[in-house]
PDB file of all heavy atoms in Angstrom:
ATOM      1  N   ALA A   1     -37.053  68.217  67.066  1.00  0.00           N
ATOM      2  CA  ALA A   1     -36.464  67.688  65.916  1.00  0.00           C
ATOM      3  C   ALA A   1     -37.313  68.236  64.701  1.00  0.00           C
ATOM      4  O   ALA A   1     -38.512  68.379  64.691  1.00  0.00           O
ATOM      5  CB  ALA A   1     -36.669  66.028  66.027  1.00  0.00           C
ATOM      6  N   MET A   2     -36.522  68.543  63.633  1.00  0.00           N
ATOM      7  CA  MET A   2     -37.110  69.112  62.530  1.00  0.00           C
ATOM      8  C   MET A   2     -36.701  68.173  61.394  1.00  0.00           C
ATOM      9  O   MET A   2     -35.679  67.608  61.322  1.00  0.00           O
ATOM     10  CB  MET A   2     -36.464  70.373  62.189  1.00  0.00           C
ATOM     11  CG  MET A   2     -36.656  71.534  63.302  1.00  0.00           C
ATOM     12  SD  MET A   2     -38.334  71.924  63.620  1.00  0.00           S
ATOM     13  CE  MET A   2     -38.785  72.810  62.156  1.00  0.00           C
ATOM     14  N   GLY A   3     -37.646  68.071  60.335  1.00  0.00           N
ATOM     15  CA  GLY A   3     -37.365  67.288  59.236  1.00  0.00           C
ATOM     16  C   GLY A   3     -37.631  67.917  57.912  1.00  0.00           C
ATOM     17  O   GLY A   3     -38.452  68.933  57.912  1.00  0.00           O
ATOM     18  N   TRP A   4     -37.249  67.304  56.911  1.00  0.00           N
ATOM     19  CA  TRP A   4     -37.719  67.689  55.463  1.00  0.00           C
ATOM     20  C   TRP A   4     -38.252  66.441  54.773  1.00  0.00           C
ATOM     21  O   TRP A   4     -37.554  65.405  54.917  1.00  0.00           O
ATOM     22  CB  TRP A   4     -36.485  68.188  54.609  1.00  0.00           C
ATOM     23  CG  TRP A   4     -36.029  69.568  55.054  1.00  0.00           C
ATOM     24  CD1 TRP A   4     -35.011  69.868  55.901  1.00  0.00           C
ATOM     25  CD2 TRP A   4     -36.696  70.796  54.603  1.00  0.00           C
ATOM     26  NE1 TRP A   4     -34.907  71.321  55.995  1.00  0.00           N
ATOM     27  CE2 TRP A   4     -35.967  71.899  55.151  1.00  0.00           C
ATOM     28  CE3 TRP A   4     -37.706  71.132  53.645  1.00  0.00           C
ATOM     29  CZ2 TRP A   4     -36.186  73.186  54.890  1.00  0.00           C
ATOM     30  CZ3 TRP A   4     -37.930  72.481  53.439  1.00  0.00           C
ATOM     31  CH2 TRP A   4     -37.201  73.417  54.057  1.00  0.00           C
ATOM     32  N   TYR A   5     -39.399  66.571  54.228  1.00  0.00           N
ATOM     33  CA  TYR A   5     -39.959  65.498  53.314  1.00  0.00           C
ATOM     34  C   TYR A   5     -40.183  66.095  52.110  1.00  0.00           C
ATOM     35  O   TYR A   5     -40.069  67.278  51.769  1.00  0.00           O
ATOM     36  CB  TYR A   5     -41.300  65.083  54.026  1.00  0.00           C
ATOM     37  CG  TYR A   5     -41.213  64.310  55.248  1.00  0.00           C
ATOM     38  CD1 TYR A   5     -40.923  64.816  56.570  1.00  0.00           C
ATOM     39  CD2 TYR A   5     -41.558  62.940  55.257  1.00  0.00           C
ATOM     40  CE1 TYR A   5     -40.829  64.136  57.619  1.00  0.00           C
ATOM     41  CE2 TYR A   5     -41.484  62.175  56.481  1.00  0.00           C
ATOM     42  CZ  TYR A   5     -41.092  62.734  57.624  1.00  0.00           C
ATOM     43  OH  TYR A   5     -41.054  62.112  58.692  1.00  0.00           O
ATOM     44  N   ARG A   6     -40.485  65.036  51.044  1.00  0.00           N
ATOM     45  CA  ARG A   6     -40.916  65.476  49.740  1.00  0.00           C
ATOM     46  C   ARG A   6     -41.864  64.591  49.154  1.00  0.00           C
ATOM     47  O   ARG A   6     -41.937  63.442  49.598  1.00  0.00           O
ATOM     48  CB  ARG A   6     -39.669  65.620  48.823  1.00  0.00           C
ATOM     49  CG  ARG A   6     -39.066  64.270  48.518  1.00  0.00           C
ATOM     50  CD  ARG A   6     -37.798  64.393  47.614  1.00  0.00           C
ATOM     51  NE  ARG A   6     -37.310  63.296  47.092  1.00  0.00           N
ATOM     52  CZ  ARG A   6     -36.216  63.092  46.380  1.00  0.00           C
ATOM     53  NH1 ARG A   6     -35.452  64.195  46.196  1.00  0.00           N
ATOM     54  NH2 ARG A   6     -35.797  61.900  45.947  1.00  0.00           N
ATOM     55  N   GLN A   7     -42.688  65.200  48.241  1.00  0.00           N
ATOM     56  CA  GLN A   7     -43.618  64.324  47.571  1.00  0.00           C
ATOM     57  C   GLN A   7     -43.731  64.609  46.041  1.00  0.00           C
ATOM     58  O   GLN A   7     -44.001  65.809  45.671  1.00  0.00           O
ATOM     59  CB  GLN A   7     -45.061  64.522  48.076  1.00  0.00           C
ATOM     60  CG  GLN A   7     -46.131  63.521  47.561  1.00  0.00           C
ATOM     61  CD  GLN A   7     -47.322  63.650  48.482  1.00  0.00           C
ATOM     62  OE1 GLN A   7     -47.728  64.406  49.167  1.00  0.00           O
ATOM     63  NE2 GLN A   7     -48.174  62.475  48.308  1.00  0.00           N
ATOM     64  N   ALA A   8     -43.281  63.711  45.261  1.00  0.00           N
ATOM     65  CA  ALA A   8     -43.384  63.886  43.914  1.00  0.00           C
ATOM     66  C   ALA A   8     -44.678  63.450  43.240  1.00  0.00           C
ATOM     67  O   ALA A   8     -45.436  62.738  44.016  1.00  0.00           O
ATOM     68  CB  ALA A   8     -42.301  62.937  43.125  1.00  0.00           C
ATOM     69  N   PRO A   9     -45.136  63.944  42.142  1.00  0.00           N
ATOM     70  CA  PRO A   9     -46.390  63.688  41.626  1.00  0.00           C
ATOM     71  C   PRO A   9     -46.652  62.218  41.419  1.00  0.00           C
ATOM     72  O   PRO A   9     -45.807  61.490  40.874  1.00  0.00           O
ATOM     73  CB  PRO A   9     -46.352  64.313  40.203  1.00  0.00           C
ATOM     74  CG  PRO A   9     -45.332  65.469  40.304  1.00  0.00           C
ATOM     75  CD  PRO A   9     -44.276  64.873  41.369  1.00  0.00           C
ATOM     76  N   GLY A  10     -47.729  61.703  41.883  1.00  0.00           N
ATOM     77  CA  GLY A  10     -48.075  60.357  41.771  1.00  0.00           C
ATOM     78  C   GLY A  10     -47.368  59.416  42.751  1.00  0.00           C
ATOM     79  O   GLY A  10     -47.509  58.181  42.586  1.00  0.00           O
ATOM     80  N   LYS A  11     -46.574  59.870  43.658  1.00  0.00           N
ATOM     81  CA  LYS A  11     -45.753  59.129  44.537  1.00  0.00           C
ATOM     82  C   LYS A  11     -46.125  59.437  46.061  1.00  0.00           C
ATOM     83  O   LYS A  11     -46.605  60.498  46.297  1.00  0.00           O
ATOM     84  CB  LYS A  11     -44.306  59.443  44.309  1.00  0.00           C
ATOM     85  CG  LYS A  11     -43.813  58.822  42.925  1.00  0.00           C
ATOM     86  CD  LYS A  11     -42.280  58.847  42.842  1.00  0.00           C
ATOM     87  CE  LYS A  11     -41.804  58.333  41.635  1.00  0.00           C
ATOM     88  NZ  LYS A  11     -40.326  58.406  41.484  1.00  0.00           N
ATOM     89  N   GLN A  12     -45.703  58.523  46.894  1.00  0.00           N
ATOM     90  CA  GLN A  12     -45.951  58.689  48.381  1.00  0.00           C
ATOM     91  C   GLN A  12     -44.979  59.823  48.773  1.00  0.00           C
ATOM     92  O   GLN A  12     -43.852  59.812  48.392  1.00  0.00           O
ATOM     93  CB  GLN A  12     -45.907  57.491  49.073  1.00  0.00           C
ATOM     94  CG  GLN A  12     -47.086  56.535  48.922  1.00  0.00           C
ATOM     95  CD  GLN A  12     -46.952  55.346  49.865  1.00  0.00           C
ATOM     96  OE1 GLN A  12     -45.879  54.878  50.168  1.00  0.00           O
ATOM     97  NE2 GLN A  12     -48.125  54.871  50.095  1.00  0.00           N
ATOM     98  N   ARG A  13     -45.348  60.398  49.915  1.00  0.00           N
ATOM     99  CA  ARG A  13     -44.424  61.385  50.614  1.00  0.00           C
ATOM    100  C   ARG A  13     -43.302  60.582  51.160  1.00  0.00           C
ATOM    101  O   ARG A  13     -43.512  59.532  51.763  1.00  0.00           O
ATOM    102  CB  ARG A  13     -45.227  62.097  51.669  1.00  0.00           C
ATOM    103  CG  ARG A  13     -44.503  63.341  52.261  1.00  0.00           C
ATOM    104  CD  ARG A  13     -45.394  64.146  53.117  1.00  0.00           C
ATOM    105  NE  ARG A  13     -46.564  64.881  52.223  1.00  0.00           N
ATOM    106  CZ  ARG A  13     -47.300  65.559  52.831  1.00  0.00           C
ATOM    107  NH1 ARG A  13     -47.364  66.019  54.106  1.00  0.00           N
ATOM    108  NH2 ARG A  13     -48.312  66.163  52.047  1.00  0.00           N
ATOM    109  N   GLU A  14     -42.091  61.138  51.117  1.00  0.00           N
ATOM    110  CA  GLU A  14     -40.885  60.387  51.572  1.00  0.00           C
ATOM    111  C   GLU A  14     -39.973  61.294  52.439  1.00  0.00           C
ATOM    112  O   GLU A  14     -40.000  62.515  52.110  1.00  0.00           O
ATOM    113  CB  GLU A  14     -40.103  59.712  50.504  1.00  0.00           C
ATOM    114  CG  GLU A  14     -39.509  60.715  49.448  1.00  0.00           C
ATOM    115  CD  GLU A  14     -38.873  59.967  48.220  1.00  0.00           C
ATOM    116  OE1 GLU A  14     -38.704  58.669  48.276  1.00  0.00           O
ATOM    117  OE2 GLU A  14     -38.470  60.736  47.369  1.00  0.00           O
ATOM    118  N   LEU A  15     -39.329  60.748  53.390  1.00  0.00           N
ATOM    119  CA  LEU A  15     -38.395  61.394  54.266  1.00  0.00           C
ATOM    120  C   LEU A  15     -37.111  61.774  53.501  1.00  0.00           C
ATOM    121  O   LEU A  15     -36.535  60.921  52.815  1.00  0.00           O
ATOM    122  CB  LEU A  15     -38.095  60.718  55.484  1.00  0.00           C
ATOM    123  CG  LEU A  15     -37.053  61.286  56.521  1.00  0.00           C
ATOM    124  CD1 LEU A  15     -37.628  62.614  57.124  1.00  0.00           C
ATOM    125  CD2 LEU A  15     -36.674  60.255  57.576  1.00  0.00           C
ATOM    126  N   VAL A  16     -36.740  63.123  53.581  1.00  0.00           N
ATOM    127  CA  VAL A  16     -35.418  63.481  53.058  1.00  0.00           C
ATOM    128  C   VAL A  16     -34.330  63.422  54.065  1.00  0.00           C
ATOM    129  O   VAL A  16     -33.258  62.870  53.831  1.00  0.00           O
ATOM    130  CB  VAL A  16     -35.481  64.958  52.412  1.00  0.00           C
ATOM    131  CG1 VAL A  16     -34.112  65.383  51.884  1.00  0.00           C
ATOM    132  CG2 VAL A  16     -36.538  65.007  51.299  1.00  0.00           C
ATOM    133  N   GLY A  17     -34.709  63.981  55.305  1.00  0.00           N
ATOM    134  CA  GLY A  17     -33.782  63.969  56.420  1.00  0.00           C
ATOM    135  C   GLY A  17     -34.246  64.659  57.587  1.00  0.00           C
ATOM    136  O   GLY A  17     -35.249  65.322  57.479  1.00  0.00           O
ATOM    137  N   THR A  18     -33.670  64.503  58.676  1.00  0.00           N
ATOM    138  CA  THR A  18     -33.973  65.019  59.935  1.00  0.00           C
ATOM    139  C   THR A  18     -32.804  65.618  60.663  1.00  0.00           C
ATOM    140  O   THR A  18     -31.598  65.063  60.631  1.00  0.00           O
ATOM    141  CB  THR A  18     -34.669  64.061  60.882  1.00  0.00           C
ATOM    142  OG1 THR A  18     -33.785  62.922  61.180  1.00  0.00           O
ATOM    143  CG2 THR A  18     -35.995  63.554  60.287  1.00  0.00           C
ATOM    144  N   ILE A  19     -33.055  66.669  61.440  1.00  0.00           N
ATOM    145  CA  ILE A  19     -32.004  67.198  62.338  1.00  0.00           C
ATOM    146  C   ILE A  19     -32.596  67.189  63.795  1.00  0.00           C
ATOM    147  O   ILE A  19     -33.642  67.705  64.013  1.00  0.00           O
ATOM    148  CB  ILE A  19     -31.519  68.686  61.944  1.00  0.00           C
ATOM    149  CG1 ILE A  19     -30.489  69.159  62.976  1.00  0.00           C
ATOM    150  CG2 ILE A  19     -32.702  69.622  61.825  1.00  0.00           C
ATOM    151  CD1 ILE A  19     -29.751  70.295  62.493  1.00  0.00           C
ATOM    152  N   ARG A  20     -31.985  66.486  64.757  1.00  0.00           N
ATOM    153  CA  ARG A  20     -32.451  66.389  66.092  1.00  0.00           C
ATOM    154  C   ARG A  20     -32.044  67.584  66.959  1.00  0.00           C
ATOM    155  O   ARG A  20     -31.167  68.416  66.591  1.00  0.00           O
ATOM    156  CB  ARG A  20     -31.930  65.020  66.728  1.00  0.00           C
ATOM    157  CG  ARG A  20     -32.700  63.787  65.766  1.00  0.00           C
ATOM    158  CD  ARG A  20     -32.140  62.582  66.518  1.00  0.00           C
ATOM    159  NE  ARG A  20     -32.942  61.379  65.793  1.00  0.00           N
ATOM    160  CZ  ARG A  20     -32.675  60.930  64.602  1.00  0.00           C
ATOM    161  NH1 ARG A  20     -31.635  61.520  63.917  1.00  0.00           N
ATOM    162  NH2 ARG A  20     -33.369  59.868  64.094  1.00  0.00           N
ATOM    163  N   THR A  21     -32.550  67.593  68.174  1.00  0.00           N
ATOM    164  CA  THR A  21     -32.257  68.672  69.051  1.00  0.00           C
ATOM    165  C   THR A  21     -30.712  68.663  69.388  1.00  0.00           C
ATOM    166  O   THR A  21     -30.346  69.937  69.472  1.00  0.00           O
ATOM    167  CB  THR A  21     -33.159  68.573  70.345  1.00  0.00           C
ATOM    168  OG1 THR A  21     -32.848  67.257  70.934  1.00  0.00           O
ATOM    169  CG2 THR A  21     -34.614  68.713  70.098  1.00  0.00           C
ATOM    170  N   GLY A  22     -30.084  67.626  69.465  1.00  0.00           N
ATOM    171  CA  GLY A  22     -28.678  67.760  69.765  1.00  0.00           C
ATOM    172  C   GLY A  22     -27.830  68.009  68.584  1.00  0.00           C
ATOM    173  O   GLY A  22     -26.628  68.101  68.794  1.00  0.00           O
ATOM    174  N   GLY A  23     -28.473  68.079  67.371  1.00  0.00           N
ATOM    175  CA  GLY A  23     -27.683  68.527  66.158  1.00  0.00           C
ATOM    176  C   GLY A  23     -27.317  67.339  65.256  1.00  0.00           C
ATOM    177  O   GLY A  23     -26.808  67.554  64.191  1.00  0.00           O
ATOM    178  N   SER A  24     -27.681  66.066  65.729  1.00  0.00           N
ATOM    179  CA  SER A  24     -27.362  65.037  64.747  1.00  0.00           C
ATOM    180  C   SER A  24     -28.387  64.988  63.661  1.00  0.00           C
ATOM    181  O   SER A  24     -29.499  65.395  63.778  1.00  0.00           O
ATOM    182  CB  SER A  24     -27.480  63.558  65.596  1.00  0.00           C
ATOM    183  OG  SER A  24     -28.826  63.506  65.934  1.00  0.00           O
ATOM    184  N   ILE A  25     -27.873  64.616  62.488  1.00  0.00           N
ATOM    185  CA  ILE A  25     -28.573  64.587  61.288  1.00  0.00           C
ATOM    186  C   ILE A  25     -28.535  63.235  60.536  1.00  0.00           C
ATOM    187  O   ILE A  25     -27.565  62.603  60.629  1.00  0.00           O
ATOM    188  CB  ILE A  25     -27.966  65.720  60.348  1.00  0.00           C
ATOM    189  CG1 ILE A  25     -27.934  67.019  60.969  1.00  0.00           C
ATOM    190  CG2 ILE A  25     -28.804  65.736  58.987  1.00  0.00           C
ATOM    191  CD1 ILE A  25     -27.234  68.111  60.222  1.00  0.00           C
ATOM    192  N   ASN A  26     -29.741  62.884  60.067  1.00  0.00           N
ATOM    193  CA  ASN A  26     -29.861  61.606  59.179  1.00  0.00           C
ATOM    194  C   ASN A  26     -30.327  62.001  57.885  1.00  0.00           C
ATOM    195  O   ASN A  26     -31.239  62.919  57.683  1.00  0.00           O
ATOM    196  CB  ASN A  26     -30.785  60.640  59.903  1.00  0.00           C
ATOM    197  CG  ASN A  26     -30.233  60.156  61.147  1.00  0.00           C
ATOM    198  OD1 ASN A  26     -30.535  60.728  62.343  1.00  0.00           O
ATOM    199  ND2 ASN A  26     -29.300  59.261  61.125  1.00  0.00           N
ATOM    200  N   TYR A  27     -29.966  61.255  56.901  1.00  0.00           N
ATOM    201  CA  TYR A  27     -30.414  61.519  55.438  1.00  0.00           C
ATOM    202  C   TYR A  27     -30.811  60.280  54.859  1.00  0.00           C
ATOM    203  O   TYR A  27     -30.403  59.201  55.091  1.00  0.00           O
ATOM    204  CB  TYR A  27     -29.216  62.052  54.615  1.00  0.00           C
ATOM    205  CG  TYR A  27     -28.721  63.354  55.113  1.00  0.00           C
ATOM    206  CD1 TYR A  27     -27.561  63.409  55.756  1.00  0.00           C
ATOM    207  CD2 TYR A  27     -29.313  64.594  54.736  1.00  0.00           C
ATOM    208  CE1 TYR A  27     -27.005  64.652  56.206  1.00  0.00           C
ATOM    209  CE2 TYR A  27     -28.785  65.903  55.105  1.00  0.00           C
ATOM    210  CZ  TYR A  27     -27.717  65.865  55.824  1.00  0.00           C
ATOM    211  OH  TYR A  27     -27.113  67.073  56.272  1.00  0.00           O
ATOM    212  N   ALA A  28     -31.877  60.452  53.929  1.00  0.00           N
ATOM    213  CA  ALA A  28     -32.253  59.223  53.226  1.00  0.00           C
ATOM    214  C   ALA A  28     -31.060  58.952  52.210  1.00  0.00           C
ATOM    215  O   ALA A  28     -30.320  59.868  51.792  1.00  0.00           O
ATOM    216  CB  ALA A  28     -33.522  59.545  52.333  1.00  0.00           C
ATOM    217  N   ASP A  29     -31.038  57.657  52.024  1.00  0.00           N
ATOM    218  CA  ASP A  29     -29.932  57.239  51.014  1.00  0.00           C
ATOM    219  C   ASP A  29     -29.848  57.976  49.733  1.00  0.00           C
ATOM    220  O   ASP A  29     -28.761  58.231  49.097  1.00  0.00           O
ATOM    221  CB  ASP A  29     -30.073  55.741  50.749  1.00  0.00           C
ATOM    222  CG  ASP A  29     -29.643  54.941  52.051  1.00  0.00           C
ATOM    223  OD1 ASP A  29     -29.017  55.532  52.938  1.00  0.00           O
ATOM    224  OD2 ASP A  29     -29.933  53.725  52.057  1.00  0.00           O
ATOM    225  N   PHE A  30     -31.036  58.293  49.232  1.00  0.00           N
ATOM    226  CA  PHE A  30     -31.018  58.908  47.943  1.00  0.00           C
ATOM    227  C   PHE A  30     -30.529  60.322  47.845  1.00  0.00           C
ATOM    228  O   PHE A  30     -30.354  60.950  46.711  1.00  0.00           O
ATOM    229  CB  PHE A  30     -32.436  58.802  47.204  1.00  0.00           C
ATOM    230  CG  PHE A  30     -33.675  59.478  47.960  1.00  0.00           C
ATOM    231  CD1 PHE A  30     -33.716  60.721  48.005  1.00  0.00           C
ATOM    232  CD2 PHE A  30     -34.410  58.706  48.779  1.00  0.00           C
ATOM    233  CE1 PHE A  30     -34.693  61.500  48.848  1.00  0.00           C
ATOM    234  CE2 PHE A  30     -35.455  59.225  49.596  1.00  0.00           C
ATOM    235  CZ  PHE A  30     -35.638  60.753  49.564  1.00  0.00           C
ATOM    236  N   VAL A  31     -30.230  60.966  48.980  1.00  0.00           N
ATOM    237  CA  VAL A  31     -29.856  62.377  48.955  1.00  0.00           C
ATOM    238  C   VAL A  31     -28.425  62.415  49.612  1.00  0.00           C
ATOM    239  O   VAL A  31     -27.899  63.485  49.623  1.00  0.00           O
ATOM    240  CB  VAL A  31     -30.767  63.355  49.637  1.00  0.00           C
ATOM    241  CG1 VAL A  31     -32.110  63.415  48.962  1.00  0.00           C
ATOM    242  CG2 VAL A  31     -30.859  63.119  51.138  1.00  0.00           C
ATOM    243  N   LYS A  32     -27.958  61.339  50.174  1.00  0.00           N
ATOM    244  CA  LYS A  32     -26.598  61.400  50.778  1.00  0.00           C
ATOM    245  C   LYS A  32     -25.537  61.976  49.804  1.00  0.00           C
ATOM    246  O   LYS A  32     -25.460  61.482  48.786  1.00  0.00           O
ATOM    247  CB  LYS A  32     -26.207  60.075  51.358  1.00  0.00           C
ATOM    248  CG  LYS A  32     -27.096  59.703  52.645  1.00  0.00           C
ATOM    249  CD  LYS A  32     -26.541  58.397  53.147  1.00  0.00           C
ATOM    250  CE  LYS A  32     -27.288  58.021  54.428  1.00  0.00           C
ATOM    251  NZ  LYS A  32     -26.889  56.682  54.954  1.00  0.00           N
ATOM    252  N   GLY A  33     -24.790  62.899  50.333  1.00  0.00           N
ATOM    253  CA  GLY A  33     -23.724  63.477  49.569  1.00  0.00           C
ATOM    254  C   GLY A  33     -24.135  64.582  48.771  1.00  0.00           C
ATOM    255  O   GLY A  33     -23.229  65.379  48.201  1.00  0.00           O
ATOM    256  N   ARG A  34     -25.397  64.849  48.556  1.00  0.00           N
ATOM    257  CA  ARG A  34     -25.957  65.887  47.628  1.00  0.00           C
ATOM    258  C   ARG A  34     -26.592  66.976  48.453  1.00  0.00           C
ATOM    259  O   ARG A  34     -26.588  68.142  48.154  1.00  0.00           O
ATOM    260  CB  ARG A  34     -26.880  65.308  46.693  1.00  0.00           C
ATOM    261  CG  ARG A  34     -26.208  64.394  45.702  1.00  0.00           C
ATOM    262  CD  ARG A  34     -27.071  63.923  44.549  1.00  0.00           C
ATOM    263  NE  ARG A  34     -28.362  63.480  44.824  1.00  0.00           N
ATOM    264  CZ  ARG A  34     -29.557  63.942  44.543  1.00  0.00           C
ATOM    265  NH1 ARG A  34     -29.632  64.998  43.834  1.00  0.00           N
ATOM    266  NH2 ARG A  34     -30.598  63.325  44.978  1.00  0.00           N
ATOM    267  N   PHE A  35     -27.395  66.633  49.516  1.00  0.00           N
ATOM    268  CA  PHE A  35     -28.190  67.416  50.226  1.00  0.00           C
ATOM    269  C   PHE A  35     -27.639  67.705  51.658  1.00  0.00           C
ATOM    270  O   PHE A  35     -27.134  66.657  52.171  1.00  0.00           O
ATOM    271  CB  PHE A  35     -29.656  66.933  50.490  1.00  0.00           C
ATOM    272  CG  PHE A  35     -30.500  66.931  49.183  1.00  0.00           C
ATOM    273  CD1 PHE A  35     -29.951  67.201  47.869  1.00  0.00           C
ATOM    274  CD2 PHE A  35     -31.883  66.683  49.206  1.00  0.00           C
ATOM    275  CE1 PHE A  35     -30.610  67.123  46.713  1.00  0.00           C
ATOM    276  CE2 PHE A  35     -32.671  66.657  48.128  1.00  0.00           C
ATOM    277  CZ  PHE A  35     -32.102  66.929  46.843  1.00  0.00           C
ATOM    278  N   THR A  36     -27.825  68.828  52.405  1.00  0.00           N
ATOM    279  CA  THR A  36     -27.246  69.109  53.602  1.00  0.00           C
ATOM    280  C   THR A  36     -28.347  69.805  54.389  1.00  0.00           C
ATOM    281  O   THR A  36     -28.981  70.887  53.883  1.00  0.00           O
ATOM    282  CB  THR A  36     -26.010  69.936  53.545  1.00  0.00           C
ATOM    283  OG1 THR A  36     -25.014  69.236  52.688  1.00  0.00           O
ATOM    284  CG2 THR A  36     -25.482  70.153  54.785  1.00  0.00           C
ATOM    285  N   ILE A  37     -28.625  69.344  55.515  1.00  0.00           N
ATOM    286  CA  ILE A  37     -29.588  69.948  56.358  1.00  0.00           C
ATOM    287  C   ILE A  37     -28.793  70.779  57.463  1.00  0.00           C
ATOM    288  O   ILE A  37     -27.766  70.288  58.057  1.00  0.00           O
ATOM    289  CB  ILE A  37     -30.562  68.964  57.190  1.00  0.00           C
ATOM    290  CG1 ILE A  37     -31.427  68.229  56.046  1.00  0.00           C
ATOM    291  CG2 ILE A  37     -31.373  69.656  58.097  1.00  0.00           C
ATOM    292  CD1 ILE A  37     -32.221  67.170  56.536  1.00  0.00           C
ATOM    293  N   SER A  38     -29.185  71.927  57.851  1.00  0.00           N
ATOM    294  CA  SER A  38     -28.514  72.757  58.905  1.00  0.00           C
ATOM    295  C   SER A  38     -29.680  73.598  59.627  1.00  0.00           C
ATOM    296  O   SER A  38     -30.830  73.626  59.109  1.00  0.00           O
ATOM    297  CB  SER A  38     -27.498  73.630  58.247  1.00  0.00           C
ATOM    298  OG  SER A  38     -28.088  74.569  57.325  1.00  0.00           O
TER     299      SER A  38
END
């Protein structure tokens, strides 16, 4: 499983999304419809 995280200045690191071995993908609500993991 591979993931993307991000950390803005002064903020905690947060999950952007993950892609699992089977290919299923989950996104954080704040990026849905804008970001795509492949």
